[in-house]
C-alpha cells in the first residue's frame, strides 16, 4: 500500500489488516519499489496516483507491470481528473478518495479476483 499522507496511510493499513490482508506499507514510490522488487511476494499494488518524491503511482505501476507479470494494480486518488489514466485499462482499477471501508473491501477483492 503506497500513500504519501501518513494519516491516510495508517487508516487504510488498519482497514486492510482488519479485512485480513497482509500489508506492506510505503510512504513514497522509492520505498514501494524497494518492497516490490525486494523478494516479498506481493499480489496487489495499491497505490496513490499522485505522490511527491520523483516516482508517481502510475510510474511505479508501469515499472511493476514490466518486472512482475501478473501483479494486480489498484489506484486511488482524491483528484477528480486524472489525465494519465484516461483511456487506459488502468482506469478500471481506480478507487476514488474518500471511500468507505466497504468500498475498499469490495474493490480490493474485485481486483484480486479479476483475470490478468
Protein backbone atom coordinates (compact mmCIF):
# COMPACT_ATOMS: atom_id res chain seq x y z
CA UNK A 1 0.00 0.00 0.00
CA UNK A 2 1.60 3.23 -1.16
CA UNK A 3 0.31 6.52 0.24
CA UNK A 4 2.24 9.70 0.95
CA UNK A 5 -0.23 11.09 3.52
CA UNK A 6 0.69 9.50 6.87
CA UNK A 7 -2.82 9.71 8.37
CA UNK A 8 -4.44 8.16 5.29
CA UNK A 9 -1.69 5.53 5.10
CA UNK A 10 -2.27 4.49 8.71
CA UNK A 11 -6.06 4.39 8.35
CA UNK A 12 -6.02 2.35 5.15
CA UNK A 13 -3.38 -0.02 6.51
CA UNK A 14 -5.57 -0.65 9.57
CA UNK A 15 -8.62 -1.19 7.33
CA UNK A 16 -6.81 -3.67 5.11
CA UNK A 17 -5.41 -5.58 8.07
CA UNK A 18 -8.87 -5.73 9.64
CA UNK A 19 -10.09 -7.25 6.37
CA UNK A 20 -7.47 -9.99 6.76
CA UNK A 21 -4.82 -8.80 4.34
CA UNK A 22 -1.08 -8.76 4.98
CA UNK A 23 0.01 -5.22 4.20
CA UNK A 24 3.43 -3.94 3.22
CA UNK A 25 3.46 -0.16 3.60
CA UNK A 26 5.34 2.57 1.75
CA UNK A 27 5.13 6.34 2.04
CA UNK A 28 6.61 7.01 -1.40
CA UNK A 29 7.41 5.40 -4.73
CA UNK A 30 11.06 4.72 -3.94
CA UNK A 31 10.25 2.76 -0.80
CA UNK A 32 7.47 0.94 -2.64
CA UNK A 33 9.86 0.00 -5.44
CA UNK A 34 12.29 -1.47 -2.89
CA UNK A 35 9.49 -3.52 -1.35
CA UNK A 36 8.09 -4.70 -4.69
CA UNK A 37 11.43 -5.85 -6.01
CA UNK A 38 12.89 -6.93 -2.67
CA UNK A 39 11.74 -10.53 -2.77
CA UNK A 40 8.48 -10.48 -0.78
CA UNK A 41 5.51 -11.97 -2.58
CA UNK A 42 3.12 -9.17 -3.48
CA UNK A 43 -0.30 -9.88 -5.01
CA UNK A 44 -1.61 -6.32 -5.26
CA UNK A 45 -0.03 -2.91 -5.64
CA UNK A 46 -2.47 -0.42 -4.08
CA UNK A 47 -1.04 3.00 -4.81
CA UNK A 48 -1.97 6.64 -4.77
CA UNK A 49 -1.76 8.06 -8.29
CA UNK A 50 -0.01 11.32 -7.43
CA UNK A 51 2.88 11.32 -4.97
CA UNK A 52 5.77 13.66 -4.33
CA UNK A 53 9.34 12.45 -4.43
CA UNK A 54 10.00 11.67 -8.04
CA UNK A 55 8.02 8.48 -8.65
CA UNK A 56 4.26 8.71 -9.15
CA UNK A 57 1.91 5.81 -8.68
CA UNK A 58 1.46 5.45 -12.42
CA UNK A 59 5.22 5.33 -12.98
CA UNK A 60 5.58 2.75 -10.23
CA UNK A 61 2.79 0.66 -11.73
CA UNK A 62 4.33 0.78 -15.21
CA UNK A 63 7.65 -0.43 -13.85
CA UNK A 64 5.97 -3.14 -11.77
CA UNK A 65 3.95 -4.39 -14.75
CA UNK A 66 7.17 -4.92 -16.72
CA UNK A 67 9.05 -6.70 -13.94
CA UNK A 68 6.23 -8.53 -12.15
CA UNK A 69 3.83 -10.01 -14.70
CA UNK A 70 0.54 -10.92 -13.11
CA UNK A 71 0.75 -8.31 -10.36
CA UNK A 72 -2.66 -6.75 -9.76
CA UNK A 73 -2.77 -2.96 -9.51
CA UNK A 74 -5.32 -0.72 -7.82
CA UNK A 75 -5.00 3.06 -7.93
CA UNK A 76 -6.51 5.57 -5.56
CA UNK A 77 -6.79 9.33 -5.82
CA UNK A 78 -8.56 12.29 -4.38
CA UNK A 79 -8.34 14.20 -7.66
CA UNK A 80 -11.46 14.41 -9.81
CA UNK A 81 -9.48 14.40 -13.04
CA UNK A 82 -6.60 12.01 -13.58
CA UNK A 83 -5.36 12.58 -17.15
CA UNK A 84 -2.67 9.89 -17.03
CA UNK A 85 -5.36 7.21 -16.52
CA UNK A 86 -7.80 8.39 -19.20
CA UNK A 87 -8.26 5.85 -21.95
CA UNK A 88 -6.14 3.35 -20.07
CA UNK A 89 -7.17 -0.09 -18.91
CA UNK A 90 -5.77 1.04 -15.58
CA UNK A 91 -8.69 3.47 -15.16
CA UNK A 92 -10.94 0.50 -14.42
CA UNK A 93 -8.96 -0.17 -11.24
CA UNK A 94 -9.40 3.18 -9.54
CA UNK A 95 -10.83 3.83 -6.09
CA UNK A 96 -11.64 7.48 -5.55
CA UNK A 97 -10.97 9.11 -2.18
CA UNK A 98 -12.67 9.42 0.17
CA UNK A 99 -14.05 5.90 0.28
CA UNK A 100 -15.70 3.72 2.88
CA UNK A 101 -14.23 0.50 4.24
CA UNK A 102 -16.97 -1.42 2.41
CA UNK A 103 -15.92 0.15 -0.92
CA UNK A 104 -12.27 -0.64 -0.18
CA UNK A 105 -13.12 -4.25 0.65
CA UNK A 106 -15.22 -4.77 -2.48
CA UNK A 107 -12.78 -3.09 -4.84
CA UNK A 108 -9.69 -4.88 -3.49
CA UNK A 109 -11.49 -8.23 -3.77
CA UNK A 110 -12.65 -7.48 -7.33
CA UNK A 111 -9.15 -6.53 -8.44
CA UNK A 112 -7.59 -9.58 -6.81
CA UNK A 113 -10.20 -11.90 -8.36
CA UNK A 114 -10.02 -10.38 -11.84
CA UNK A 115 -8.28 -12.27 -14.62
CA UNK A 116 -4.91 -10.88 -15.62
